[in-house]
Amino acid sequence: MSQSNPVPKNLQETHLNRARASLSLALSWYGNLRKPGQSSSNSQLAGLVKPELELLSTTLNKLDYNVIRIAAFGLVSRGKSAVLNALLGQKILQTGPLNGVTQYPRSVRWNPGGKVQVELIDTPGLDEIEGEARAQMAREVVRQSDLILFVVSGDITRTEYRALCELRQCQKPLILVFNKTDLYPDTDKTAIYNNLQQLGAANPQGKPLKPDEIVMVAAEPAPMEVRVEWSDGRVTHEWETPPPQIDELKQTILKILNREGRSLLALNALIQARDAQEAIAQKTINLRQEQAEDLIWQYTKYKALAVALNPIAFLDILGGTVADLALIRSLARLYGLPITSYEAGKILKTILFSSGGLLLGELGSSLLLGLGKSTAAIASGENPINVTAYAGTAITQGGIAGYGAYAVGKAAQVYLEKGCSWGQLGASTVIKEILAEVEPNTILYRLRQELEQFSFNGTSLH
């Protein structure tokens, strides 16, 4: 197995503390919604986002218990329950030859030694016939899990590959478990292992899995016929079941938990918090869509007039920028989302540079028009024709400014859908900070690459 430096315990504790602080701050931000005496609009919103607020509170409480949840997933008859039983050292979870033995998620505590507390979660097969409800329960388990075991028993099928890709997109660290290796000759076993290394990344551009990310086991070996020679010369044949070959998986899990277990806890809590906050923001935006539209048009008209009537170049642009910042903060207040002037400026900057240069181009046009308008204003006292030129330039510049304000307002709504996950202790910010500190040879490093691919592109504020 590969060797790597562990994440220092004090750094892991720092990760946990950052996660606690982020969730506590989010709950304090949204706490006003649950206070008595709120307006009918806020009361309605409080009812809509109650599940997300409860999730934030529950997730914060779970951090204090330091219990790491490991869930086993895979298609039917791959031996998920057998793998967990082998780790436990006793047959607690039901296994059998028929599909669908596991009807619903079931969890058991596992004490692998030391101070590590682990909860193992067994799940229904992801491909069960008429089992969509059970598959949905399995997907809910993914959300709560800190580490995933994806169990296969040979070369990956197309259905398994799709399921693996879906799990990868859930942004959780994953170990690929090649079970039932006792059924294959050594040559076939090695060939399958090499194929799994390539396909297990679930991404054509992904790097092959490292030793910590793929393990071969025989959780419930098939009985073997053995020849027994007795002292009286008799020879008989009996069937014996070999012991499970599970030590490599157990040691891999323990190494991961000791090396980065608390960081896994922190990241899972932050990912859940980020998703909950985005859901809160989306529900708020949907509820107050009409008010937001009126607010955007109000600022659009204000900015257009302010820029058009200001005769001094640069000051009209500055006034327009102030109006854009005020619009972003007003939208945030309407949605009940926390935002500072600095964060509003960060959003505005991101909007300007992510608009494909369109808004920056409009800003440049407005500046040139502003200079022309200032020149016309100075000359208008001597030549009445310049008054007409001033008015025409002002109207054009005001129209451009109004367009920019409306575009900024609509774009700000998209960014505000991310809730309060930005900022110094925002969930997205802390996730990125933690992942920036992981070692290249850790299981979190691949998670970092996947999170960067799925989360920190397009509308990222970082």
Protein backbone atom coordinates (compact mmCIF):
# COMPACT_ATOMS: atom_id res chain seq x y z
CA MET A 1 0.00 0.00 0.00
CA SER A 2 1.18 3.53 -0.70
CA GLN A 3 2.81 5.56 2.01
CA SER A 4 1.85 9.15 2.70
CA ASN A 5 2.25 11.68 5.42
CA PRO A 6 -0.82 11.96 7.66
CA VAL A 7 -2.67 15.20 8.03
CA PRO A 8 -1.38 16.50 11.41
CA LYS A 9 -3.89 15.97 14.20
CA ASN A 10 -3.86 19.66 15.07
CA LEU A 11 -4.66 20.48 11.42
CA GLN A 12 -7.51 17.96 11.42
CA GLU A 13 -8.87 19.61 14.56
CA THR A 14 -8.55 22.97 12.83
CA HIS A 15 -10.62 21.62 9.94
CA LEU A 16 -13.32 20.44 12.36
CA ASN A 17 -13.33 23.78 14.15
CA ARG A 18 -13.66 25.67 10.87
CA ALA A 19 -16.61 23.49 9.91
CA ARG A 20 -18.28 24.08 13.28
CA ALA A 21 -17.75 27.84 12.97
CA SER A 22 -19.16 27.87 9.41
CA LEU A 23 -22.32 25.96 10.37
CA SER A 24 -22.83 28.02 13.54
CA LEU A 25 -22.55 31.23 11.52
CA ALA A 26 -25.03 29.97 8.92
CA LEU A 27 -27.54 29.07 11.63
CA SER A 28 -27.15 32.50 13.23
CA TRP A 29 -27.71 34.17 9.83
CA TYR A 30 -30.95 32.33 9.27
CA GLY A 31 -31.99 32.33 12.91
CA ASN A 32 -34.25 35.37 12.48
CA LEU A 33 -36.61 33.33 10.35
CA ARG A 34 -37.49 31.17 13.34
CA LYS A 35 -38.10 33.99 15.81
CA PRO A 36 -41.70 34.79 16.83
CA GLY A 37 -43.36 37.99 15.63
CA GLN A 38 -42.03 37.77 12.09
CA SER A 39 -43.97 39.10 9.10
CA SER A 40 -46.31 36.76 7.25
CA SER A 41 -43.79 36.62 4.39
CA ASN A 42 -41.00 35.55 6.72
CA SER A 43 -43.28 33.06 8.47
CA GLN A 44 -44.13 31.50 5.12
CA LEU A 45 -40.44 31.34 4.23
CA ALA A 46 -39.59 29.80 7.60
CA GLY A 47 -42.02 26.97 6.85
CA LEU A 48 -40.53 26.38 3.42
CA VAL A 49 -36.91 26.18 4.60
CA LYS A 50 -37.57 24.29 7.85
CA PRO A 51 -36.04 21.02 6.50
CA GLU A 52 -32.83 22.81 5.51
CA LEU A 53 -32.56 24.61 8.85
CA GLU A 54 -33.04 21.32 10.68
CA LEU A 55 -30.38 19.72 8.49
CA LEU A 56 -27.91 22.50 9.35
CA SER A 57 -28.62 22.04 13.06
CA THR A 58 -28.37 18.24 12.89
CA THR A 59 -25.14 18.39 10.89
CA LEU A 60 -23.59 20.73 13.45
CA ASN A 61 -24.55 18.37 16.27
CA LYS A 62 -23.06 15.37 14.43
CA LEU A 63 -19.65 17.05 14.34
CA ASP A 64 -19.48 16.87 18.12
CA TYR A 65 -19.86 13.05 18.14
CA ASN A 66 -16.94 12.41 15.76
CA VAL A 67 -18.58 9.30 14.29
CA ILE A 68 -17.45 8.56 10.75
CA ARG A 69 -20.10 7.03 8.49
CA ILE A 70 -18.96 4.51 5.89
CA ALA A 71 -21.61 3.30 3.44
CA ALA A 72 -21.36 0.29 1.11
CA PHE A 73 -22.92 0.65 -2.35
CA GLY A 74 -23.07 -1.49 -5.44
CA LEU A 75 -25.35 -3.57 -7.59
CA VAL A 76 -27.22 -6.59 -6.27
CA SER A 77 -25.31 -9.77 -5.44
CA ARG A 78 -21.93 -8.06 -5.27
CA GLY A 79 -21.50 -8.92 -1.58
CA LYS A 80 -21.96 -5.54 0.11
CA SER A 81 -23.40 -7.07 3.29
CA ALA A 82 -20.73 -9.77 3.29
CA VAL A 83 -17.97 -7.15 3.10
CA LEU A 84 -19.38 -5.28 6.10
CA ASN A 85 -19.87 -8.53 8.04
CA ALA A 86 -16.24 -9.45 7.36
CA LEU A 87 -15.10 -6.06 8.71
CA LEU A 88 -17.26 -6.54 11.80
CA GLY A 89 -15.90 -10.05 12.35
CA GLN A 90 -19.38 -11.51 12.76
CA LYS A 91 -22.44 -12.10 10.60
CA ILE A 92 -24.82 -9.34 11.67
CA LEU A 93 -26.16 -8.20 8.31
CA GLN A 94 -28.26 -10.65 6.32
CA THR A 95 -26.73 -12.18 3.21
CA GLY A 96 -28.03 -14.72 0.72
CA PRO A 97 -28.04 -15.93 -2.89
CA LEU A 98 -31.22 -14.06 -3.86
CA ASN A 99 -31.30 -10.52 -5.20
CA GLY A 100 -32.69 -7.85 -2.90
CA VAL A 101 -31.77 -9.41 0.44
CA THR A 102 -31.06 -5.91 1.80
CA GLN A 103 -34.44 -4.17 1.63
CA TYR A 104 -33.52 -0.91 3.33
CA PRO A 105 -30.41 0.88 4.66
CA ARG A 106 -29.19 -0.55 7.94
CA SER A 107 -26.34 0.72 10.08
CA VAL A 108 -24.16 -0.98 12.68
CA ARG A 109 -21.37 0.34 14.89
CA TRP A 110 -17.87 -0.91 14.22
CA ASN A 111 -15.02 -0.53 16.67
CA PRO A 112 -11.86 -1.18 14.65
CA GLY A 113 -9.62 -0.18 17.54
CA GLY A 114 -8.21 2.99 18.96
CA LYS A 115 -10.30 6.13 19.38
CA VAL A 116 -11.95 5.89 15.98
CA GLN A 117 -15.74 5.53 16.00
CA VAL A 118 -17.27 4.17 12.82
CA GLU A 119 -20.82 3.53 11.63
CA LEU A 120 -21.09 1.03 8.77
CA ILE A 121 -24.17 1.43 6.55
CA ASP A 122 -25.51 -1.31 4.29
CA THR A 123 -27.72 -0.27 1.35
CA PRO A 124 -30.07 -1.89 -1.18
CA GLY A 125 -28.71 -2.69 -4.62
CA LEU A 126 -28.65 0.32 -6.91
CA ASP A 127 -30.16 -1.64 -9.81
CA GLU A 128 -33.02 -3.53 -8.19
CA ILE A 129 -36.08 -4.21 -10.34
CA GLU A 130 -39.01 -2.10 -9.11
CA GLY A 131 -36.69 -0.81 -6.42
CA GLU A 132 -36.58 2.92 -7.22
CA ALA A 133 -37.82 3.84 -3.74
CA ARG A 134 -35.04 1.79 -2.19
CA ALA A 135 -32.50 3.30 -4.57
CA GLN A 136 -33.70 6.74 -3.50
CA MET A 137 -33.06 5.78 0.12
CA ALA A 138 -29.57 4.72 -0.88
CA ARG A 139 -28.94 8.10 -2.47
CA GLU A 140 -30.02 9.77 0.77
CA VAL A 141 -27.45 7.64 2.59
CA VAL A 142 -24.75 8.97 0.24
CA ARG A 143 -25.48 12.49 1.44
CA GLN A 144 -24.89 11.51 5.06
CA SER A 145 -21.80 9.37 4.44
CA ASP A 146 -18.21 10.46 4.97
CA LEU A 147 -16.63 7.60 2.98
CA ILE A 148 -18.10 5.28 0.35
CA LEU A 149 -17.23 1.65 -0.42
CA PHE A 150 -18.30 0.75 -3.96
CA VAL A 151 -18.37 -3.04 -4.15
CA VAL A 152 -17.90 -4.93 -7.41
CA SER A 153 -17.22 -8.60 -8.07
CA GLY A 154 -15.47 -8.50 -11.41
CA ASP A 155 -15.13 -6.26 -14.45
CA ILE A 156 -17.38 -3.20 -14.23
CA THR A 157 -20.61 -3.45 -16.22
CA ARG A 158 -22.17 -0.48 -18.00
CA THR A 159 -24.79 -0.20 -15.25
CA GLU A 160 -22.10 -0.24 -12.58
CA TYR A 161 -20.09 2.39 -14.41
CA ARG A 162 -23.11 4.72 -14.54
CA ALA A 163 -23.76 4.14 -10.84
CA LEU A 164 -20.10 4.81 -10.04
CA CYS A 165 -20.16 8.06 -12.03
CA GLU A 166 -23.27 9.16 -10.14
CA LEU A 167 -21.61 8.43 -6.81
CA ARG A 168 -18.48 10.31 -7.87
CA GLN A 169 -20.60 13.37 -8.55
CA CYS A 170 -21.88 13.23 -4.97
CA GLN A 171 -18.45 14.56 -4.00
CA LYS A 172 -17.50 11.94 -1.45
CA PRO A 173 -14.20 10.03 -1.16
CA LEU A 174 -14.60 6.49 -2.45
CA ILE A 175 -12.83 3.14 -2.17
CA LEU A 176 -13.47 0.61 -4.93
CA VAL A 177 -13.74 -2.87 -3.36
CA PHE A 178 -13.10 -5.83 -5.68
CA ASN A 179 -14.93 -8.65 -3.86
CA LYS A 180 -15.12 -12.41 -4.57
CA THR A 181 -11.52 -12.56 -5.73
CA ASP A 182 -11.42 -16.20 -4.59
CA LEU A 183 -13.48 -17.09 -7.68
CA TYR A 184 -10.77 -15.95 -10.13
CA PRO A 185 -7.39 -17.42 -11.10
CA ASP A 186 -4.48 -15.13 -10.24
CA THR A 187 -3.97 -14.09 -13.88
CA ASP A 188 -7.61 -13.08 -14.36
CA LYS A 189 -7.69 -11.39 -10.98
CA THR A 190 -4.69 -9.22 -11.87
CA ALA A 191 -6.18 -8.28 -15.24
CA ILE A 192 -9.51 -7.31 -13.67
CA TYR A 193 -7.68 -5.28 -10.99
CA ASN A 194 -5.80 -3.33 -13.65
CA ASN A 195 -9.03 -2.62 -15.55
CA LEU A 196 -10.72 -1.45 -12.35
CA GLN A 197 -7.83 0.89 -11.66
CA GLN A 198 -8.54 2.67 -14.93
CA LEU A 199 -12.35 2.63 -14.82
CA GLY A 200 -12.67 3.29 -11.11
CA ALA A 201 -11.88 6.97 -11.57
CA ALA A 202 -15.23 7.17 -13.44
CA ASN A 203 -13.72 9.82 -15.71
CA PRO A 204 -11.95 9.22 -19.01
CA GLN A 205 -9.50 12.00 -18.11
CA GLY A 206 -9.08 10.79 -14.52
CA LYS A 207 -5.88 9.24 -13.24
CA PRO A 208 -5.79 5.52 -12.34
CA LEU A 209 -6.85 4.68 -8.80
CA LYS A 210 -4.12 4.58 -6.18
CA PRO A 211 -3.65 1.60 -3.83
CA ASP A 212 -5.66 3.35 -1.11
CA GLU A 213 -8.59 3.69 -3.52
CA ILE A 214 -8.92 0.08 -4.72
CA VAL A 215 -8.71 -3.08 -2.61
CA MET A 216 -9.18 -6.78 -3.38
CA VAL A 217 -11.13 -8.88 -0.85
CA ALA A 218 -12.91 -12.20 -0.50
CA ALA A 219 -15.52 -11.35 2.11
CA GLU A 220 -17.37 -14.67 2.01
CA PRO A 221 -15.16 -17.23 0.26
CA ALA A 222 -16.81 -20.21 -1.36
CA PRO A 223 -16.43 -23.54 0.49
CA MET A 224 -13.52 -25.70 -0.67
CA GLU A 225 -13.29 -29.45 -0.79
CA VAL A 226 -10.32 -30.68 1.25
CA ARG A 227 -8.78 -34.12 1.48
CA VAL A 228 -8.49 -35.53 5.02
CA GLU A 229 -6.15 -38.42 5.84
CA TRP A 230 -6.99 -40.22 9.09
CA SER A 231 -4.57 -42.13 11.36
CA ASP A 232 -6.24 -45.42 10.49
CA GLY A 233 -5.46 -44.90 6.84
CA ARG A 234 -8.89 -43.72 5.79
CA VAL A 235 -9.13 -40.83 3.31
CA THR A 236 -12.23 -38.62 3.26
CA HIS A 237 -13.25 -35.40 1.58
CA GLU A 238 -14.91 -32.57 3.46
CA TRP A 239 -16.04 -29.05 2.68
CA GLU A 240 -14.44 -26.18 4.55
CA THR A 241 -15.08 -22.46 4.30
CA PRO A 242 -11.86 -20.40 4.28
CA PRO A 243 -11.72 -17.33 6.53
CA PRO A 244 -12.57 -13.94 4.94
CA GLN A 245 -9.73 -12.14 3.20
CA ILE A 246 -10.53 -8.67 4.50
CA ASP A 247 -7.40 -7.44 6.32
CA GLU A 248 -6.18 -5.24 3.46
CA LEU A 249 -9.48 -3.35 3.32
CA LYS A 250 -9.56 -2.99 7.09
CA GLN A 251 -6.02 -1.60 7.18
CA THR A 252 -6.74 0.74 4.27
CA ILE A 253 -9.80 2.16 6.04
CA LEU A 254 -7.92 2.56 9.32
CA LYS A 255 -5.04 4.31 7.61
CA ILE A 256 -7.42 6.74 5.91
CA LEU A 257 -9.32 7.45 9.13
CA ASN A 258 -6.17 8.01 11.18
CA ARG A 259 -4.60 10.10 8.43
CA GLU A 260 -7.57 12.29 7.49
CA GLY A 261 -10.71 11.07 9.27
CA ARG A 262 -11.66 14.31 11.02
CA SER A 263 -11.01 16.26 7.84
CA LEU A 264 -13.47 13.91 6.09
CA LEU A 265 -16.03 14.70 8.78
CA ALA A 266 -15.50 18.41 8.36
CA LEU A 267 -15.79 18.30 4.56
CA ASN A 268 -18.95 16.21 4.56
CA ALA A 269 -20.58 18.59 7.03
CA LEU A 270 -19.57 21.60 4.93
CA ILE A 271 -20.85 20.03 1.69
CA GLN A 272 -24.20 19.33 3.34
CA ALA A 273 -24.27 22.87 4.75
CA ARG A 274 -23.46 24.39 1.36
CA ASP A 275 -26.22 22.41 -0.35
CA ALA A 276 -28.72 23.31 2.39
CA GLN A 277 -27.87 27.01 2.15
CA GLU A 278 -28.21 26.95 -1.63
CA ALA A 279 -31.63 25.32 -1.24
CA ILE A 280 -32.65 28.00 1.29
CA ALA A 281 -31.55 30.74 -1.09
CA GLN A 282 -33.36 29.16 -4.04
CA LYS A 283 -36.62 28.83 -2.11
CA THR A 284 -36.32 32.42 -0.92
CA ILE A 285 -35.69 33.69 -4.43
CA ASN A 286 -38.67 31.76 -5.79
CA LEU A 287 -40.93 33.14 -3.06
CA ARG A 288 -39.87 36.76 -3.62
CA GLN A 289 -39.36 36.73 -7.37
CA GLU A 290 -41.93 39.46 -8.09
CA GLN A 291 -40.53 41.80 -5.43
CA ALA A 292 -37.02 41.22 -6.76
CA GLU A 293 -38.06 42.08 -10.30
CA ASP A 294 -39.62 45.36 -9.09
CA LEU A 295 -36.46 46.14 -7.13
CA ILE A 296 -34.22 45.53 -10.15
CA TRP A 297 -36.34 47.82 -12.35
CA GLN A 298 -36.32 50.48 -9.63
CA TYR A 299 -32.51 50.51 -9.53
CA THR A 300 -32.35 50.31 -13.32
CA LYS A 301 -34.31 53.57 -13.61
CA TYR A 302 -32.36 55.20 -10.76
CA LYS A 303 -28.99 54.35 -12.26
CA ALA A 304 -30.03 55.46 -15.75
CA LEU A 305 -31.19 58.85 -14.47
CA ALA A 306 -28.21 59.35 -12.14
CA VAL A 307 -25.68 58.59 -14.87
CA ALA A 308 -27.51 60.60 -17.55
CA LEU A 309 -27.90 63.73 -15.43
CA ASN A 310 -24.37 63.78 -14.01
CA PRO A 311 -22.30 66.10 -16.24
CA ILE A 312 -18.92 65.08 -14.86
CA ALA A 313 -17.12 62.13 -16.46
CA PHE A 314 -15.82 59.43 -14.13
CA LEU A 315 -18.20 60.58 -11.39
CA ASP A 316 -21.15 59.28 -13.40
CA ILE A 317 -19.40 55.92 -13.80
CA LEU A 318 -18.58 55.89 -10.08
CA GLY A 319 -22.20 56.69 -9.25
CA GLY A 320 -23.36 53.87 -11.50
CA THR A 321 -21.03 51.41 -9.75
CA VAL A 322 -22.34 52.52 -6.36
CA ALA A 323 -25.88 51.91 -7.66
CA ASP A 324 -24.92 48.38 -8.78
CA LEU A 325 -23.45 47.60 -5.34
CA ALA A 326 -26.55 48.99 -3.65
CA LEU A 327 -28.75 46.84 -5.89
CA ILE A 328 -26.85 43.67 -4.97
CA ARG A 329 -27.09 44.45 -1.25
CA SER A 330 -30.78 45.34 -1.56
CA LEU A 331 -31.50 42.04 -3.29
CA ALA A 332 -29.61 40.20 -0.53
CA ARG A 333 -31.66 42.00 2.15
CA LEU A 334 -34.87 41.15 0.30
CA TYR A 335 -33.88 37.51 0.29
CA GLY A 336 -32.75 37.65 3.92
CA LEU A 337 -29.26 36.59 2.90
CA PRO A 338 -26.22 37.97 4.75
CA ILE A 339 -23.82 39.99 2.64
CA THR A 340 -21.24 42.70 3.36
CA SER A 341 -20.12 45.56 1.12
CA TYR A 342 -16.92 43.66 0.41
CA GLU A 343 -18.85 40.55 -0.66
CA ALA A 344 -21.17 42.68 -2.81
CA GLY A 345 -18.11 44.13 -4.54
CA LYS A 346 -16.75 40.64 -5.05
CA ILE A 347 -19.98 39.55 -6.70
CA LEU A 348 -20.04 42.64 -8.93
CA LYS A 349 -16.45 42.05 -10.01
CA THR A 350 -17.23 38.41 -10.81
CA ILE A 351 -20.31 39.41 -12.81
CA LEU A 352 -18.35 41.96 -14.85
CA PHE A 353 -15.57 39.52 -15.71
CA SER A 354 -17.82 36.50 -16.32
CA SER A 355 -20.12 38.31 -18.76
CA GLY A 356 -17.84 37.53 -21.66
CA GLY A 357 -16.59 41.13 -21.69
CA LEU A 358 -20.08 42.41 -22.53
CA LEU A 359 -20.60 44.49 -19.39
CA LEU A 360 -16.98 45.65 -19.39
CA GLY A 361 -17.49 46.78 -22.96
CA GLU A 362 -20.64 48.64 -21.97
CA LEU A 363 -18.67 50.25 -19.13
CA GLY A 364 -16.02 51.43 -21.58
CA SER A 365 -18.65 52.81 -23.95
CA SER A 366 -20.28 54.63 -21.08
CA LEU A 367 -16.93 56.15 -20.11
CA LEU A 368 -16.32 57.46 -23.64
CA LEU A 369 -19.84 58.86 -23.74
CA GLY A 370 -19.28 60.43 -20.33
CA LEU A 371 -16.18 62.22 -21.60
CA GLY A 372 -18.12 63.44 -24.64
CA LYS A 373 -20.99 64.53 -22.41
CA SER A 374 -18.62 66.51 -20.15
CA THR A 375 -17.12 68.25 -23.17
CA ALA A 376 -20.61 69.10 -24.46
CA ALA A 377 -21.62 70.41 -21.04
CA ILE A 378 -18.62 72.74 -20.90
CA ALA A 379 -19.29 74.04 -24.40
CA SER A 380 -23.07 74.30 -24.08
CA GLY A 381 -22.91 77.77 -22.55
CA GLU A 382 -21.41 79.17 -25.77
CA ASN A 383 -23.29 77.15 -28.36
CA PRO A 384 -26.95 76.03 -28.00
CA ILE A 385 -26.28 73.20 -30.45
CA ASN A 386 -24.08 71.60 -27.82
CA VAL A 387 -27.09 71.43 -25.47
CA THR A 388 -28.74 69.08 -27.94
CA ALA A 389 -25.52 67.08 -28.22
CA TYR A 390 -25.33 66.88 -24.43
CA ALA A 391 -28.91 65.66 -24.18
CA GLY A 392 -28.45 63.03 -26.88
CA THR A 393 -25.26 61.73 -25.27
CA ALA A 394 -26.88 61.69 -21.83
CA ILE A 395 -29.86 59.68 -23.08
CA THR A 396 -27.59 57.16 -24.79
CA GLN A 397 -25.34 56.86 -21.74
CA GLY A 398 -28.37 56.54 -19.45
CA GLY A 399 -29.76 53.75 -21.62
CA ILE A 400 -26.47 51.86 -21.49
CA ALA A 401 -26.29 52.33 -17.71
CA GLY A 402 -29.85 51.10 -17.29
CA TYR A 403 -29.12 48.01 -19.36
CA GLY A 404 -26.03 47.34 -17.24
CA ALA A 405 -28.02 47.69 -14.00
CA TYR A 406 -30.67 45.22 -15.17
CA ALA A 407 -28.01 42.74 -16.34
CA VAL A 408 -26.17 43.05 -13.02
CA GLY A 409 -29.41 42.55 -11.08
CA LYS A 410 -30.37 39.38 -12.98
CA ALA A 411 -26.86 37.98 -12.70
CA ALA A 412 -26.76 38.79 -8.98
CA GLN A 413 -29.85 36.65 -8.52
CA VAL A 414 -27.93 33.67 -9.89
CA TYR A 415 -25.06 34.24 -7.46
CA LEU A 416 -27.41 34.81 -4.53
CA GLU A 417 -28.89 31.37 -5.19
CA LYS A 418 -25.70 30.08 -3.61
CA GLY A 419 -26.93 31.43 -0.27
CA CYS A 420 -24.37 32.54 2.28
CA SER A 421 -21.78 29.94 1.25
CA TRP A 422 -19.27 32.67 0.33
CA GLY A 423 -17.37 34.95 2.69
CA GLN A 424 -14.62 34.22 5.20
CA LEU A 425 -16.48 31.39 6.96
CA GLY A 426 -18.84 30.44 4.13
CA ALA A 427 -19.11 26.71 3.45
CA SER A 428 -17.67 26.97 -0.07
CA THR A 429 -14.76 29.07 1.17
CA VAL A 430 -13.88 26.70 4.02
CA ILE A 431 -14.18 23.66 1.73
CA LYS A 432 -11.67 25.20 -0.64
CA GLU A 433 -9.33 26.16 2.22
CA ILE A 434 -9.33 22.63 3.64
CA LEU A 435 -8.76 20.99 0.27
CA ALA A 436 -5.89 23.38 -0.43
CA GLU A 437 -4.10 21.88 2.59
CA VAL A 438 -4.41 18.17 1.72
CA GLU A 439 -1.41 16.07 0.73
CA PRO A 440 -1.21 14.73 -2.86
CA ASN A 441 -1.10 11.10 -1.65
CA THR A 442 -4.33 11.26 0.37
CA ILE A 443 -7.81 10.13 -0.61
CA LEU A 444 -8.94 13.72 -0.13
CA TYR A 445 -6.69 14.82 -2.95
CA ARG A 446 -8.85 13.09 -5.58
CA LEU A 447 -11.92 14.59 -3.87
CA ARG A 448 -10.27 17.99 -4.20
CA GLN A 449 -9.89 17.47 -7.96
CA GLU A 450 -13.51 16.35 -8.30
CA LEU A 451 -14.84 19.23 -6.20
CA GLU A 452 -12.86 21.68 -8.31
CA GLN A 453 -14.38 20.13 -11.43
CA PHE A 454 -18.00 20.10 -10.19
CA SER A 455 -18.16 23.01 -7.73
CA PHE A 456 -15.59 25.69 -8.40
CA ASN A 457 -16.33 26.62 -11.97
CA GLY A 458 -18.81 28.81 -13.77
CA THR A 459 -20.44 30.70 -10.90
CA SER A 460 -17.63 30.39 -8.38
CA LEU A 461 -16.97 33.46 -6.27
CA HIS A 462 -13.40 32.43 -5.50
